[in-house]
Protein backbone atom coordinates (compact mmCIF):
# COMPACT_ATOMS: atom_id res chain seq x y z
CA MET A 1 0.16 -0.09 0.00
CA GLY A 2 1.02 3.35 -1.16
CA GLY A 3 0.24 5.03 2.71
CA ILE A 4 -3.26 6.65 3.26
CA ALA A 5 -4.27 9.72 1.52
CA PHE A 6 -7.12 11.85 1.04
CA GLY A 7 -8.75 13.26 -2.22
CA THR A 8 -11.33 15.60 -2.52
CA SER A 9 -14.07 13.21 -0.51
CA GLY A 10 -12.40 11.33 1.75
CA TRP A 11 -9.79 7.97 1.61
CA ARG A 12 -11.10 5.79 -0.83
CA GLY A 13 -9.87 1.96 -1.61
CA ILE A 14 -10.19 -1.03 -3.39
CA LEU A 15 -12.02 -3.53 -0.72
CA CYS A 16 -9.50 -6.59 0.28
CA ASP A 17 -6.86 -4.57 -1.25
CA ASP A 18 -6.16 -1.27 0.61
CA PHE A 19 -9.21 -0.79 2.08
CA VAL A 20 -9.09 -3.59 5.12
CA PHE A 21 -9.53 -3.22 9.00
CA ASP A 22 -6.27 -2.72 10.07
CA ASN A 23 -6.40 0.16 7.52
CA VAL A 24 -9.91 1.06 8.75
CA ARG A 25 -8.37 1.12 12.15
CA VAL A 26 -5.37 3.40 12.13
CA VAL A 27 -7.29 5.66 9.83
CA THR A 28 -10.23 6.40 12.55
CA ARG A 29 -7.86 6.11 15.25
CA ALA A 30 -6.12 9.30 12.92
CA ILE A 31 -9.49 11.21 13.27
CA ALA A 32 -10.04 10.36 16.67
CA ASP A 33 -6.26 11.79 17.73
CA HIS A 34 -6.91 14.90 15.34
CA VAL A 35 -10.79 15.66 17.14
CA ALA A 36 -9.08 15.02 20.18
CA ALA A 37 -6.80 18.10 19.58
CA GLY A 38 -9.32 19.94 19.07
CA PRO A 39 -12.06 21.71 21.64
CA ASP A 40 -14.68 19.09 20.46
CA LYS A 41 -13.66 15.97 21.91
CA ASP A 42 -16.02 15.59 24.02
CA LYS A 43 -19.20 16.34 21.63
CA GLY A 44 -18.56 12.67 19.89
CA LEU A 45 -19.06 11.63 16.42
CA ILE A 46 -21.60 10.47 14.23
CA VAL A 47 -20.41 7.35 12.60
CA GLY A 48 -22.38 5.59 9.03
CA CYS A 49 -22.14 3.57 6.33
CA ASP A 50 -23.34 3.28 2.81
CA SER A 51 -24.94 -0.31 1.35
CA ARG A 52 -22.08 -1.46 0.22
CA PHE A 53 -20.50 -4.90 1.41
CA MET A 54 -19.18 -5.04 5.10
CA GLY A 55 -19.82 -1.18 5.31
CA ASP A 56 -21.87 -1.93 8.60
CA GLU A 57 -18.93 -4.24 10.18
CA PHE A 58 -16.51 -1.00 9.44
CA ALA A 59 -18.89 1.39 11.10
CA ARG A 60 -19.16 -0.79 14.06
CA GLU A 61 -15.10 -1.21 14.15
CA ALA A 62 -14.46 2.52 14.09
CA ALA A 63 -17.27 3.18 16.93
CA ARG A 64 -15.12 0.56 19.27
CA ILE A 65 -11.49 2.21 17.81
CA LEU A 66 -13.61 6.15 18.87
CA ALA A 67 -14.24 4.07 22.38
CA GLY A 68 -10.29 2.80 22.98
CA ALA A 69 -9.92 6.65 22.51
CA ASN A 70 -12.79 7.64 24.86
CA ILE A 71 -15.22 9.50 21.93
CA LYS A 72 -18.40 8.97 22.22
CA THR A 73 -20.43 7.45 18.87
CA PHE A 74 -23.67 7.91 17.67
CA LEU A 75 -24.07 4.83 14.96
CA CYS A 76 -26.68 4.96 12.55
CA ASP A 77 -28.68 2.16 12.74
CA ARG A 78 -28.61 1.19 9.17
CA ASP A 79 -27.05 2.37 5.88
CA THR A 80 -27.28 6.23 5.61
CA PRO A 81 -27.24 9.03 2.95
CA THR A 82 -24.43 11.07 3.37
CA PRO A 83 -25.99 14.50 3.82
CA VAL A 84 -28.27 12.56 6.58
CA ILE A 85 -24.81 12.02 8.44
CA SER A 86 -24.34 16.31 7.61
CA TYR A 87 -27.17 17.17 9.11
CA GLU A 88 -27.32 15.00 12.50
CA ILE A 89 -23.97 16.46 12.80
CA LEU A 90 -24.77 20.02 13.08
CA ARG A 91 -28.46 19.01 14.59
CA ARG A 92 -26.64 16.99 17.75
CA LYS A 93 -23.88 19.52 17.93
CA ALA A 94 -21.28 17.13 17.32
CA ALA A 95 -17.55 17.04 16.97
CA GLY A 96 -18.10 15.82 13.32
CA GLY A 97 -18.93 12.37 11.57
CA ILE A 98 -17.30 9.51 10.28
CA ASN A 99 -18.78 8.07 7.01
CA PHE A 100 -17.76 4.80 5.16
CA THR A 101 -18.65 5.35 2.08
CA ALA A 102 -17.13 5.17 -1.74
CA SER A 103 -20.24 7.34 -2.78
CA HIS A 104 -20.77 7.18 -6.73
CA ASN A 105 -17.53 4.44 -7.56
CA PRO A 106 -17.95 0.78 -8.43
CA PRO A 107 -18.76 -1.90 -5.94
CA ARG A 108 -15.42 -2.75 -5.39
CA TYR A 109 -14.29 0.25 -3.54
CA ASN A 110 -15.14 1.77 0.00
CA GLY A 111 -13.90 4.35 1.89
CA ILE A 112 -13.69 6.65 4.74
CA LYS A 113 -15.08 10.58 4.90
CA PHE A 114 -14.89 12.76 7.24
CA SER A 115 -16.36 15.77 8.09
CA PRO A 116 -15.54 18.00 11.00
CA ALA A 117 -18.37 20.03 13.47
CA TRP A 118 -19.63 22.76 10.90
CA GLY A 119 -21.10 19.30 8.64
CA GLY A 120 -19.36 19.83 5.35
CA PRO A 121 -16.88 17.96 3.84
CA ALA A 122 -12.96 18.52 5.68
CA LEU A 123 -11.15 21.06 4.05
CA PRO A 124 -7.43 20.41 2.93
CA ASP A 125 -5.76 21.29 6.56
CA THR A 126 -7.80 18.87 8.50
CA THR A 127 -7.18 16.04 5.59
CA ARG A 128 -3.27 16.65 5.63
CA ASP A 129 -3.58 16.55 9.68
CA ILE A 130 -5.44 13.20 9.25
CA GLU A 131 -3.05 11.73 6.80
CA ARG A 132 -0.09 12.66 8.63
CA ARG A 133 -1.48 10.89 11.66
CA ALA A 134 -2.62 8.28 10.24
CA ASN A 135 0.24 6.81 7.80
CA GLU A 136 2.86 7.53 11.10
CA MET A 137 0.70 4.63 12.27
CA VAL A 138 0.40 2.35 9.31
CA GLY A 139 2.00 -0.61 9.89
CA LYS A 140 3.37 -0.16 13.76
CA ILE A 141 0.26 -0.41 16.31
CA CYS A 142 -3.14 -1.76 16.16
CA PRO A 143 -5.30 0.96 17.92
CA GLU A 144 -6.87 -0.08 21.36
CA ARG A 145 -10.39 -0.95 21.17
CA PRO A 146 -13.12 -2.54 23.75
CA GLU A 147 -15.66 -4.76 22.81
CA PHE A 148 -18.61 -3.56 21.20
CA GLU A 149 -21.39 -4.62 23.80
CA GLN A 150 -18.87 -3.04 26.71
CA ALA A 151 -18.44 0.37 24.99
CA SER A 152 -22.08 0.10 24.81
CA ARG A 153 -22.81 -0.56 28.32
CA ASP A 154 -20.28 2.33 29.35
CA GLY A 155 -22.10 4.92 27.29
CA LEU A 156 -19.69 5.36 24.59
CA ILE A 157 -21.35 3.96 21.78
CA GLU A 158 -25.12 4.80 21.48
CA GLU A 159 -27.36 3.56 18.16
CA ILE A 160 -29.42 6.26 16.57
CA ASP A 161 -31.95 6.41 13.92
CA PRO A 162 -31.39 9.79 11.93
CA GLN A 163 -34.04 9.48 9.02
CA GLN A 164 -37.09 11.23 10.90
CA PRO A 165 -35.49 14.71 12.14
CA TYR A 166 -34.01 14.59 8.88
CA LEU A 167 -37.06 14.25 6.66
CA ASP A 168 -38.84 16.32 9.12
CA ALA A 169 -35.93 19.09 8.16
CA LEU A 170 -36.39 18.51 4.74
CA LYS A 171 -40.21 19.86 5.13
CA GLU A 172 -38.74 23.27 5.48
CA LYS A 173 -36.88 22.99 2.15
CA VAL A 174 -39.40 21.38 0.23
CA ASP A 175 -43.22 22.50 -0.61
CA PHE A 176 -44.00 19.00 -0.81
CA GLU A 177 -47.65 19.78 -0.69
CA SER A 178 -47.28 21.16 -4.35
CA LEU A 179 -45.78 17.88 -5.65
CA ALA A 180 -49.80 16.25 -5.24
CA ARG A 181 -50.50 18.11 -8.65
CA LEU A 182 -47.39 16.75 -10.41
CA GLY A 183 -48.95 13.38 -11.23
CA THR A 184 -47.33 9.77 -10.80
CA LEU A 185 -43.31 10.30 -9.97
CA ALA A 186 -40.65 8.04 -10.65
CA LEU A 187 -38.17 7.02 -7.94
CA ASN A 188 -34.90 5.01 -8.28
CA PRO A 189 -32.49 4.86 -5.09
CA LEU A 190 -29.96 2.92 -7.16
CA TYR A 191 -30.08 0.17 -4.54
CA GLY A 192 -28.36 2.46 -2.21
CA THR A 193 -28.87 4.58 1.16
CA ALA A 194 -32.05 6.59 0.06
CA ARG A 195 -34.40 3.77 0.22
CA GLY A 196 -37.34 4.91 2.50
CA TYR A 197 -36.19 8.72 2.42
CA LEU A 198 -37.45 9.04 -1.46
CA GLU A 199 -40.88 7.13 -0.48
CA LYS A 200 -41.88 8.13 2.55
CA PRO A 201 -43.14 11.54 1.98
CA LEU A 202 -44.64 11.00 -0.69
CA VAL A 203 -46.40 8.05 1.13
CA GLU A 204 -47.41 10.86 3.77
CA ARG A 205 -49.27 13.04 1.28
CA ARG A 206 -50.38 10.60 -0.65
CA VAL A 207 -48.63 11.29 -3.92
CA PRO A 208 -48.87 8.54 -6.64
CA PHE A 209 -45.11 7.09 -7.22
CA LYS A 210 -43.19 4.00 -8.95
CA ILE A 211 -39.81 2.82 -7.40
CA ILE A 212 -37.39 0.52 -8.75
CA ASN A 213 -34.17 -0.99 -7.53
CA SER A 214 -35.41 -0.14 -3.80
CA HIS A 215 -33.55 -3.10 -2.13
CA ARG A 216 -29.92 -2.89 -0.50
CA ASP A 217 -27.86 -4.97 -2.92
CA PRO A 218 -24.01 -4.23 -2.76
CA TYR A 219 -23.32 -4.83 -6.18
CA PHE A 220 -25.97 -2.27 -7.25
CA GLY A 221 -27.23 -4.08 -10.12
CA GLY A 222 -23.63 -4.50 -11.72
CA PHE A 223 -23.24 -1.10 -12.50
CA PRO A 224 -21.51 1.76 -10.02
CA PRO A 225 -24.49 3.55 -8.26
CA GLU A 226 -24.32 6.81 -10.27
CA PRO A 227 -27.53 8.22 -11.79
CA ALA A 228 -26.10 8.63 -14.62
CA GLU A 229 -27.55 7.94 -18.28
CA LYS A 230 -25.64 5.10 -19.44
CA TYR A 231 -26.11 3.16 -16.09
CA ILE A 232 -30.33 4.01 -15.59
CA GLN A 233 -31.39 2.99 -18.64
CA ASP A 234 -34.02 0.13 -16.85
CA PHE A 235 -35.46 4.09 -15.32
CA ILE A 236 -35.18 5.63 -18.35
CA ARG A 237 -37.15 2.83 -20.49
CA LEU A 238 -40.16 3.00 -17.08
CA VAL A 239 -40.24 6.51 -17.41
CA LYS A 240 -40.16 6.59 -21.45
CA GLY A 241 -42.63 3.65 -21.11
CA ASP A 242 -45.84 4.88 -18.52
CA PRO A 243 -47.37 7.98 -19.53
CA ASP A 244 -48.46 8.77 -16.34
CA VAL A 245 -45.06 9.40 -14.73
CA LYS A 246 -44.55 13.08 -15.08
CA LEU A 247 -40.73 13.18 -13.80
CA GLY A 248 -37.78 10.50 -12.72
CA ILE A 249 -35.90 11.05 -9.82
CA ALA A 250 -32.44 9.22 -8.72
CA THR A 251 -29.80 9.57 -6.38
CA ASP A 252 -26.37 7.64 -6.09
CA GLY A 253 -25.17 5.04 -3.41
CA ASP A 254 -25.23 7.28 -0.86
CA ALA A 255 -27.67 9.93 -2.01
CA ASP A 256 -25.37 12.80 -2.55
CA ARG A 257 -26.11 12.89 -6.11
CA PHE A 258 -28.85 13.32 -8.11
CA GLY A 259 -30.38 12.05 -11.65
CA ILE A 260 -33.27 13.62 -13.60
CA VAL A 261 -35.02 12.36 -16.39
CA ASP A 262 -38.14 14.15 -18.26
CA GLU A 263 -41.74 13.02 -18.74
CA ASP A 264 -40.22 11.57 -22.45
CA GLY A 265 -37.58 9.71 -20.79
CA THR A 266 -34.94 12.51 -21.62
CA TYR A 267 -31.82 12.33 -19.36
CA ILE A 268 -31.37 16.01 -18.06
CA GLU A 269 -27.93 17.19 -17.59
CA PRO A 270 -26.76 18.39 -14.06
CA ASN A 271 -25.11 21.04 -15.25
CA TYR A 272 -28.82 22.56 -16.62
CA ILE A 273 -30.56 21.12 -13.42
CA ILE A 274 -28.12 23.75 -11.33
CA ALA A 275 -28.87 26.49 -13.56
CA LEU A 276 -32.51 25.70 -13.48
CA LEU A 277 -32.95 25.32 -9.78
CA PHE A 278 -30.87 28.53 -9.29
CA ASP A 279 -33.15 30.66 -11.83
CA TYR A 280 -36.53 28.88 -9.87
CA LEU A 281 -35.29 29.44 -6.38
CA VAL A 282 -34.52 33.22 -7.48
CA ARG A 283 -37.59 34.00 -9.48
CA VAL A 284 -40.26 32.02 -7.66
CA ARG A 285 -38.86 31.19 -4.26
CA GLY A 286 -37.60 34.99 -4.15
CA MET A 287 -34.10 34.08 -2.50
CA LYS A 288 -31.89 36.42 -1.94
CA GLY A 289 -27.83 36.09 -2.00
CA GLY A 290 -24.99 34.82 -4.31
CA VAL A 291 -24.38 31.45 -5.99
CA ALA A 292 -21.19 28.87 -6.49
CA ARG A 293 -20.41 26.51 -8.84
CA SER A 294 -17.04 24.79 -9.44
CA VAL A 295 -14.56 25.77 -12.11
CA ALA A 296 -15.95 22.49 -14.12
CA THR A 297 -19.70 23.66 -13.95
CA SER A 298 -21.98 25.76 -16.61
CA HIS A 299 -21.59 29.43 -16.84
CA LEU A 300 -25.00 28.91 -17.74
CA VAL A 301 -25.27 29.55 -13.77
CA ASP A 302 -23.27 32.58 -14.51
CA ALA A 303 -25.79 33.92 -17.34
CA VAL A 304 -28.56 33.43 -14.72
CA ALA A 305 -26.86 35.04 -12.24
CA HIS A 306 -26.21 38.21 -14.29
CA HIS A 307 -29.74 38.03 -15.48
CA HIS A 308 -30.68 38.52 -11.79
CA GLY A 309 -27.97 40.50 -10.81
CA ILE A 310 -26.15 38.44 -8.18
CA GLU A 311 -22.90 37.88 -7.11
CA ILE A 312 -20.68 34.74 -8.34
CA HIS A 313 -18.15 32.85 -6.79
CA GLU A 314 -15.99 30.25 -8.71
CA THR A 315 -14.30 27.28 -6.96
CA PRO A 316 -12.18 24.14 -7.14
CA VAL A 317 -13.90 20.85 -7.92
CA GLY A 318 -14.88 19.54 -4.63
CA PHE A 319 -17.72 20.10 -2.77
CA LYS A 320 -15.86 21.40 0.48
CA TYR A 321 -15.54 24.82 -1.09
CA ILE A 322 -19.05 25.45 -2.07
CA GLY A 323 -20.03 23.64 1.17
CA GLU A 324 -18.17 26.61 3.41
CA LEU A 325 -19.74 29.04 1.59
CA ILE A 326 -23.00 27.79 2.45
CA SER A 327 -22.29 27.39 5.98
CA GLN A 328 -21.58 31.12 5.95
CA ASN A 329 -25.01 31.55 4.03
CA LYS A 330 -23.11 33.56 1.54
CA ILE A 331 -25.09 31.81 -1.25
CA ILE A 332 -28.26 30.50 -2.20
CA ILE A 333 -27.41 27.23 -4.21
CA GLY A 334 -24.33 25.88 -5.12
CA GLY A 335 -23.39 22.59 -7.48
CA GLU A 336 -20.78 20.82 -9.28
CA GLU A 337 -21.00 19.46 -13.04
CA SER A 338 -20.91 15.94 -11.00
CA ALA A 339 -24.80 16.69 -9.69
CA GLY A 340 -24.46 17.89 -6.25
CA LEU A 341 -25.41 20.90 -5.19
CA SER A 342 -26.80 22.16 -1.90
CA ILE A 343 -28.99 25.19 -0.84
CA MET A 344 -29.26 28.30 1.64
CA GLY A 345 -30.50 26.90 5.36
CA HIS A 346 -29.23 23.75 4.47
CA VAL A 347 -26.58 21.08 5.25
CA PRO A 348 -23.32 22.08 3.83
CA GLU A 349 -22.81 19.21 1.84
CA LYS A 350 -24.12 17.43 -1.94
CA ASP A 351 -27.92 16.38 -1.02
CA GLY A 352 -28.99 14.23 -3.50
CA ILE A 353 -32.67 13.75 -2.16
CA LEU A 354 -33.31 17.63 -1.58
CA ALA A 355 -32.18 18.26 -5.16
CA CYS A 356 -34.68 15.82 -6.54
CA PHE A 357 -37.69 17.03 -4.27
CA LEU A 358 -36.98 20.44 -5.43
CA VAL A 359 -37.17 19.40 -9.10
CA ALA A 360 -40.31 17.73 -8.50
CA GLU A 361 -41.66 20.90 -6.97
CA MET A 362 -40.21 23.10 -9.57
CA VAL A 363 -41.89 21.36 -12.57
CA ALA A 364 -45.46 20.83 -10.38
CA ARG A 365 -45.61 24.44 -9.52
CA GLU A 366 -44.53 25.63 -13.15
CA GLY A 367 -46.62 23.02 -14.77
CA MET A 368 -43.88 22.39 -17.04
CA SER A 369 -41.50 19.51 -18.35
CA VAL A 370 -37.85 19.97 -17.54
CA LYS A 371 -36.86 20.12 -21.29
CA ALA A 372 -39.53 23.01 -21.59
CA LEU A 373 -38.34 25.39 -18.48
CA LEU A 374 -34.51 24.78 -19.68
CA GLU A 375 -35.93 26.42 -22.95
CA ARG A 376 -37.90 28.90 -21.50
CA LEU A 377 -34.61 29.44 -19.11
CA TYR A 378 -32.22 29.92 -22.84
CA GLN A 379 -34.78 32.23 -24.27
CA ARG A 380 -33.79 34.50 -21.44
CA VAL A 381 -30.27 34.29 -21.14
CA GLY A 382 -28.89 32.20 -24.18
CA ARG A 383 -27.79 28.89 -25.12
CA TYR A 384 -25.38 26.71 -23.34
CA VAL A 385 -24.32 23.46 -24.53
CA THR A 386 -21.57 21.21 -22.22
CA LYS A 387 -19.62 18.18 -22.21
CA ARG A 388 -16.77 16.31 -20.47
CA GLU A 389 -14.34 13.41 -21.96
CA ASN A 390 -11.51 11.51 -20.50
CA LEU A 391 -8.54 11.92 -22.40
CA ASN A 392 -6.38 8.38 -22.14
CA LEU A 393 -2.65 9.38 -22.00
CA SER A 394 0.42 7.25 -23.11
CA PRO A 395 3.40 7.16 -20.72
CA GLU A 396 4.87 9.52 -23.46
CA LEU A 397 1.84 12.17 -23.48
CA GLU A 398 1.79 11.89 -19.54
CA ALA A 399 5.53 13.04 -19.30
CA ALA A 400 4.86 15.96 -21.51
CA PHE A 401 1.55 17.23 -20.13
CA PRO A 402 3.09 19.61 -17.56
CA THR A 403 5.00 21.42 -19.92
CA LYS A 404 2.42 21.09 -22.91
CA ILE A 405 -0.34 22.83 -20.76
CA LYS A 406 1.59 25.73 -19.87
CA GLU A 407 2.08 26.77 -22.92
CA ILE A 408 -1.02 28.49 -23.46
CA PRO A 409 -2.18 28.73 -27.24
CA ALA A 410 -3.36 31.40 -29.29
CA ALA A 411 -6.75 30.34 -29.98
CA PHE A 412 -8.91 27.11 -30.10
CA ALA A 413 -11.10 26.23 -33.17
CA GLY A 414 -9.89 29.64 -34.78
CA VAL A 415 -11.17 31.71 -31.46
CA LYS A 416 -8.40 33.74 -29.62
CA VAL A 417 -8.32 32.58 -26.06
CA ARG A 418 -8.81 35.78 -24.05
CA ASP A 419 -8.42 34.30 -20.45
CA VAL A 420 -6.71 31.55 -18.68
CA VAL A 421 -7.99 30.50 -15.28
CA THR A 422 -6.17 28.14 -12.97
CA ILE A 423 -7.66 27.71 -9.19
CA ASP A 424 -8.02 23.78 -10.42
CA GLY A 425 -6.60 22.18 -13.62
CA ASN A 426 -6.16 24.67 -16.78
CA LYS A 427 -9.20 26.95 -18.16
CA PHE A 428 -9.25 28.64 -21.49
CA ILE A 429 -11.84 30.99 -22.07
CA LEU A 430 -12.25 31.81 -25.55
CA ASP A 431 -13.46 35.32 -27.29
CA ASP A 432 -16.75 34.36 -27.79
CA GLY A 433 -17.57 32.75 -24.75
CA SER A 434 -17.08 29.20 -24.83
CA TRP A 435 -14.48 27.50 -22.93
CA LEU A 436 -11.82 24.47 -22.65
CA LEU A 437 -10.77 22.72 -19.31
CA PHE A 438 -8.16 20.10 -18.60
CA ARG A 439 -7.77 18.32 -15.24
CA LYS A 440 -5.12 15.57 -14.74
CA SER A 441 -6.40 12.89 -12.76
CA GLY A 442 -3.98 12.63 -9.49
CA THR A 443 -4.39 8.86 -10.17
CA GLU A 444 -4.83 7.72 -13.54
CA PRO A 445 -2.84 8.54 -16.85
CA VAL A 446 -5.93 10.65 -17.38
CA VAL A 447 -6.97 14.23 -18.60
CA ARG A 448 -10.55 15.13 -18.07
CA LEU A 449 -11.49 17.71 -20.92
CA TYR A 450 -14.47 19.74 -20.32
CA GLY A 451 -16.07 22.10 -22.63
CA GLU A 452 -18.95 24.44 -23.50
CA ALA A 453 -20.20 26.53 -26.16
CA SER A 454 -23.67 27.86 -27.36
CA SER A 455 -24.16 25.42 -30.22
CA PHE A 456 -23.83 21.54 -30.30
CA GLU A 457 -21.58 22.30 -33.62
CA ARG A 458 -19.49 24.88 -31.72
CA LEU A 459 -19.27 22.56 -29.08
CA GLN A 460 -17.94 19.75 -31.14
CA ALA A 461 -15.26 22.21 -32.99
CA ILE A 462 -13.50 23.39 -29.74
CA MET A 463 -13.62 19.75 -28.02
CA THR A 464 -12.07 18.93 -30.69
CA ALA A 465 -9.65 21.05 -30.70
CA GLY A 466 -9.33 20.23 -27.37
CA ARG A 467 -8.65 16.73 -28.00
CA ASP A 468 -6.03 17.49 -30.82
CA PHE A 469 -4.19 19.85 -28.19
CA ILE A 470 -3.33 17.14 -25.49
CA LEU A 471 -3.13 13.76 -27.85
CA SER A 472 -0.97 15.27 -30.23
């Protein structure tokens, strides 16, 4: 194993390879020591997991490790959505939370995500400290841990059910009553943690729905638990084939990401959903404040912001930066192109459940399909078309990439480069408002290429130019 390294959303590894109990114990103890060094040690930690293989056992072992460090655990009694753990941290005023999840990654992965007391994903200073502590322990010690039953009797482990408090709080963020005028909703929790969380508010209000993939399956039906178009074809067929269904909503394995299918079976890219909800919250709800998007997210968000005279915050990739702005009440909404968003007054963490229900509310109250709403928005602020590709690099191209990316080209596809943004990767803004972003993977010989333009034809031209720039 090459050591413990935290990425944009925690430490991830392959089960039975580097994600094993010994390393879980070490990382958990490192988190315990980090918390013990601060002012919140006596406030306890929320511990939960998603629906992956052995997640509940890893969570129980983490509770034992925390008990060995004399830190109380509030242990979720079943697999739990990431935003629910975030809400429970804030509700209990806990010192933070440990979440065993690999989010939308394939079933062979698991991970540990730490959220501090403010409820959002840990910022780099925090994860660097945890990394250092963990790597000093790897292979050297086995942290002390009492038996689970004894720690429970001693009051150091308390099992909790966080579902109802979260759903009660969601009622303040979503107009559930409006969903009665929507028609039938299709639900797809993708075998993950949103099981029960998507259905219960609808059952309470007698909103008709149809649901698939609603049992726990650690293999997620044979696909990564990501609500992307290529992985939810069964759901798209359901929505398209049922005339009663007016909208399809899906969540990923830990319910922090969303997927939206319009009434005719069209998958709607997250970029467009973020902009639509932003416009809706300002125009219909009357919310006031700024807006945040990651550097890789559509400038349709910017166009909406300019239309309403609202301040824009551009952040590096990683929801922790957006979450920090939400926790400071600086923004109405913040989102990432990878299907993560949250809103003012809610958790500073991606929430796919909230996103899905907000879209349902928007469609119900506006009385229009998502595609119709998007076309109407285009008429007001202009058309934006986005795309992302992964470019695989040969060893020679990977070695040459750092030098190549520093050589700013004069133009792409015949249009002059107007500006370069380097807060995360290299983003080239062109004179016509189109742009290209190149981000090198930290773990693979891959460059992630993002592009946006005002038409499919123009987008195709700049994406071709981007591929040629990297691969030639």
